Amino acid sequence: MTCMVGTDNPTNKLTDKQVLEIYNLCKTTDMRYKDIAEMYNIVPSQVSLIVGGYKWKYLNLDPLPRIVRGSRRNGRTGCYT
């Protein structure tokens, strides 16, 4: 049995292009995971899994460092939960 990944999996809500858009939003803006998730009709934890490198691994996206994913605390910028 072969594992279906990405757009080959009929249960996925996102395309490869959308995953790349989410990754780039988190890398270049200070949008919250919640706001990005609403844009793509997914849950915030899915955004976290994408930018953390846990899902969509075959796209070879480097996990974003914690400081980029960061939070509002301590003046950090980047996506936050």
N, C-alpha and C. Protein backbone atom coordinates (compact mmCIF):
# COMPACT_ATOMS: atom_id res chain seq x y z
N MET A 1 0.84 -1.18 0.00
CA MET A 1 0.00 0.00 0.00
C MET A 1 0.88 1.25 0.00
N THR A 2 0.57 2.18 -0.87
CA THR A 2 1.34 3.41 -0.99
C THR A 2 0.64 4.54 -0.23
N CYS A 3 1.44 5.33 0.45
CA CYS A 3 0.91 6.47 1.18
C CYS A 3 0.68 7.62 0.20
N MET A 4 -0.51 8.20 0.23
CA MET A 4 -0.81 9.33 -0.64
C MET A 4 -0.46 10.62 0.09
N VAL A 5 0.35 11.45 -0.55
CA VAL A 5 0.77 12.70 0.06
C VAL A 5 0.31 13.88 -0.79
N GLY A 6 0.23 15.03 -0.13
CA GLY A 6 -0.11 16.26 -0.84
C GLY A 6 -1.44 16.19 -1.55
N THR A 7 -1.47 16.69 -2.77
CA THR A 7 -2.71 16.76 -3.52
C THR A 7 -3.18 15.39 -4.02
N ASP A 8 -2.33 14.37 -3.91
CA ASP A 8 -2.75 13.01 -4.27
C ASP A 8 -3.70 12.42 -3.23
N ASN A 9 -3.68 12.98 -2.03
CA ASN A 9 -4.55 12.51 -0.96
C ASN A 9 -5.89 13.24 -1.07
N PRO A 10 -6.98 12.52 -1.34
CA PRO A 10 -8.27 13.16 -1.54
C PRO A 10 -8.85 13.85 -0.30
N THR A 11 -8.30 13.57 0.88
CA THR A 11 -8.83 14.21 2.09
C THR A 11 -8.16 15.55 2.40
N ASN A 12 -7.09 15.88 1.69
CA ASN A 12 -6.40 17.16 1.95
C ASN A 12 -7.23 18.33 1.48
N LYS A 13 -7.21 19.40 2.27
CA LYS A 13 -7.95 20.62 1.93
C LYS A 13 -7.07 21.61 1.18
N LEU A 14 -5.75 21.42 1.24
CA LEU A 14 -4.82 22.39 0.68
C LEU A 14 -4.09 21.86 -0.53
N THR A 15 -3.75 22.76 -1.43
CA THR A 15 -2.88 22.41 -2.55
C THR A 15 -1.44 22.75 -2.16
N ASP A 16 -0.50 22.26 -2.95
CA ASP A 16 0.90 22.60 -2.69
C ASP A 16 1.10 24.11 -2.72
N LYS A 17 0.46 24.77 -3.66
CA LYS A 17 0.58 26.23 -3.79
C LYS A 17 0.09 26.92 -2.52
N GLN A 18 -1.04 26.47 -1.97
CA GLN A 18 -1.58 27.08 -0.76
C GLN A 18 -0.64 26.86 0.43
N VAL A 19 -0.04 25.69 0.51
CA VAL A 19 0.90 25.41 1.60
C VAL A 19 2.10 26.35 1.52
N LEU A 20 2.59 26.57 0.31
CA LEU A 20 3.70 27.51 0.12
C LEU A 20 3.29 28.93 0.48
N GLU A 21 2.06 29.31 0.15
CA GLU A 21 1.55 30.64 0.52
C GLU A 21 1.50 30.79 2.03
N ILE A 22 1.00 29.78 2.72
CA ILE A 22 0.92 29.81 4.19
C ILE A 22 2.31 29.94 4.79
N TYR A 23 3.23 29.15 4.29
CA TYR A 23 4.61 29.20 4.78
C TYR A 23 5.20 30.59 4.60
N ASN A 24 5.01 31.17 3.42
CA ASN A 24 5.56 32.49 3.13
C ASN A 24 4.87 33.59 3.94
N LEU A 25 3.57 33.45 4.20
CA LEU A 25 2.88 34.42 5.05
C LEU A 25 3.50 34.43 6.45
N CYS A 26 3.78 33.24 6.95
CA CYS A 26 4.36 33.15 8.29
C CYS A 26 5.80 33.63 8.32
N LYS A 27 6.48 33.46 7.21
CA LYS A 27 7.88 33.86 7.15
C LYS A 27 8.03 35.37 7.00
N THR A 28 7.08 36.01 6.33
CA THR A 28 7.27 37.41 5.97
C THR A 28 6.31 38.39 6.63
N THR A 29 5.31 37.90 7.37
CA THR A 29 4.36 38.81 8.00
C THR A 29 4.25 38.49 9.49
N ASP A 30 3.47 39.29 10.20
CA ASP A 30 3.23 39.02 11.61
C ASP A 30 1.79 38.55 11.85
N MET A 31 1.20 37.95 10.82
CA MET A 31 -0.17 37.45 10.95
C MET A 31 -0.23 36.30 11.95
N ARG A 32 -1.34 36.21 12.66
CA ARG A 32 -1.55 35.11 13.61
C ARG A 32 -1.95 33.85 12.86
N TYR A 33 -1.60 32.69 13.42
CA TYR A 33 -1.99 31.42 12.83
C TYR A 33 -3.51 31.38 12.63
N LYS A 34 -4.23 31.90 13.60
CA LYS A 34 -5.69 31.89 13.54
C LYS A 34 -6.19 32.64 12.30
N ASP A 35 -5.61 33.79 12.02
CA ASP A 35 -6.03 34.58 10.87
C ASP A 35 -5.69 33.90 9.55
N ILE A 36 -4.51 33.31 9.49
CA ILE A 36 -4.11 32.58 8.28
C ILE A 36 -5.01 31.36 8.09
N ALA A 37 -5.28 30.66 9.17
CA ALA A 37 -6.14 29.47 9.10
C ALA A 37 -7.52 29.82 8.56
N GLU A 38 -8.07 30.94 9.01
CA GLU A 38 -9.38 31.36 8.53
C GLU A 38 -9.36 31.65 7.03
N MET A 39 -8.26 32.19 6.53
CA MET A 39 -8.13 32.48 5.10
C MET A 39 -8.21 31.22 4.25
N TYR A 40 -7.72 30.10 4.81
CA TYR A 40 -7.63 28.86 4.05
C TYR A 40 -8.61 27.79 4.55
N ASN A 41 -9.50 28.17 5.45
CA ASN A 41 -10.51 27.26 5.98
C ASN A 41 -9.90 26.00 6.61
N ILE A 42 -8.86 26.23 7.41
CA ILE A 42 -8.23 25.14 8.16
C ILE A 42 -8.11 25.59 9.62
N VAL A 43 -7.62 24.72 10.48
CA VAL A 43 -7.46 25.06 11.89
C VAL A 43 -6.04 25.62 12.13
N PRO A 44 -5.88 26.48 13.13
CA PRO A 44 -4.57 27.07 13.40
C PRO A 44 -3.46 26.04 13.64
N SER A 45 -3.79 24.92 14.24
CA SER A 45 -2.75 23.91 14.48
C SER A 45 -2.17 23.38 13.18
N GLN A 46 -2.96 23.37 12.11
CA GLN A 46 -2.44 22.92 10.81
C GLN A 46 -1.40 23.90 10.29
N VAL A 47 -1.63 25.19 10.50
CA VAL A 47 -0.64 26.21 10.12
C VAL A 47 0.65 25.96 10.89
N SER A 48 0.54 25.70 12.18
CA SER A 48 1.70 25.44 13.02
C SER A 48 2.47 24.22 12.52
N LEU A 49 1.76 23.18 12.14
CA LEU A 49 2.42 21.96 11.65
C LEU A 49 3.13 22.19 10.32
N ILE A 50 2.57 23.07 9.49
CA ILE A 50 3.22 23.39 8.21
C ILE A 50 4.51 24.16 8.44
N VAL A 51 4.44 25.26 9.20
CA VAL A 51 5.63 26.09 9.38
C VAL A 51 6.67 25.43 10.29
N GLY A 52 6.24 24.48 11.10
CA GLY A 52 7.17 23.76 11.95
C GLY A 52 7.86 22.60 11.25
N GLY A 53 7.43 22.32 10.01
CA GLY A 53 8.07 21.26 9.24
C GLY A 53 7.57 19.87 9.54
N TYR A 54 6.41 19.76 10.20
CA TYR A 54 5.88 18.45 10.57
C TYR A 54 4.94 17.87 9.52
N LYS A 55 4.34 18.71 8.72
CA LYS A 55 3.43 18.27 7.66
C LYS A 55 3.92 18.81 6.33
N TRP A 56 3.53 18.18 5.26
CA TRP A 56 3.92 18.56 3.90
C TRP A 56 5.44 18.54 3.76
N LYS A 57 6.07 17.54 4.34
CA LYS A 57 7.53 17.43 4.34
C LYS A 57 8.10 17.29 2.94
N TYR A 58 7.36 16.68 2.04
CA TYR A 58 7.89 16.44 0.70
C TYR A 58 8.13 17.74 -0.07
N LEU A 59 7.60 18.87 0.42
CA LEU A 59 7.86 20.16 -0.22
C LEU A 59 9.23 20.72 0.19
N ASN A 60 9.89 20.04 1.14
CA ASN A 60 11.23 20.43 1.59
C ASN A 60 11.30 21.86 2.12
N LEU A 61 10.31 22.26 2.89
CA LEU A 61 10.31 23.57 3.51
C LEU A 61 11.11 23.49 4.80
N ASP A 62 12.03 24.42 4.98
CA ASP A 62 12.79 24.45 6.22
C ASP A 62 11.89 24.93 7.35
N PRO A 63 11.87 24.21 8.47
CA PRO A 63 11.07 24.70 9.60
C PRO A 63 11.52 26.10 10.00
N LEU A 64 10.55 26.96 10.24
CA LEU A 64 10.89 28.33 10.64
C LEU A 64 11.37 28.33 12.08
N PRO A 65 12.42 29.08 12.37
CA PRO A 65 12.90 29.15 13.75
C PRO A 65 11.84 29.72 14.68
N ARG A 66 11.90 29.34 15.92
CA ARG A 66 10.92 29.79 16.91
C ARG A 66 10.83 31.31 16.96
N ILE A 67 11.92 32.01 16.80
CA ILE A 67 11.87 33.46 16.89
C ILE A 67 11.04 34.05 15.76
N VAL A 68 11.06 33.41 14.60
CA VAL A 68 10.25 33.89 13.48
C VAL A 68 8.79 33.56 13.74
N ARG A 69 8.53 32.34 14.24
CA ARG A 69 7.16 31.98 14.54
C ARG A 69 6.68 32.75 15.76
N GLY A 70 7.59 32.94 16.70
CA GLY A 70 7.47 33.78 17.88
C GLY A 70 6.10 34.07 18.47
N SER A 71 6.01 35.18 19.13
CA SER A 71 4.77 35.64 19.75
C SER A 71 4.86 37.14 19.94
N ARG A 72 3.84 37.71 20.51
CA ARG A 72 3.84 39.15 20.76
C ARG A 72 4.76 39.51 21.92
N ARG A 73 5.10 38.54 22.74
CA ARG A 73 5.94 38.82 23.89
C ARG A 73 7.35 39.19 23.47
N ASN A 74 7.98 40.01 24.23
CA ASN A 74 9.38 40.40 24.05
C ASN A 74 9.66 41.03 22.69
N GLY A 75 8.65 41.63 22.07
CA GLY A 75 8.86 42.33 20.83
C GLY A 75 9.18 41.46 19.62
N ARG A 76 8.92 40.18 19.71
CA ARG A 76 9.21 39.30 18.58
C ARG A 76 8.21 39.57 17.46
N THR A 77 8.67 39.29 16.25
CA THR A 77 7.79 39.43 15.11
C THR A 77 7.64 38.09 14.42
N GLY A 78 6.76 38.04 13.44
CA GLY A 78 6.51 36.81 12.72
C GLY A 78 5.19 36.23 13.17
N CYS A 79 4.84 35.10 12.59
CA CYS A 79 3.56 34.46 12.93
C CYS A 79 3.53 34.10 14.40
N TYR A 80 2.36 34.16 14.95
CA TYR A 80 2.19 33.73 16.33
C TYR A 80 0.81 33.12 16.50
N THR A 81 0.70 32.31 17.52
CA THR A 81 -0.55 31.60 17.75
C THR A 81 -1.54 32.43 18.49
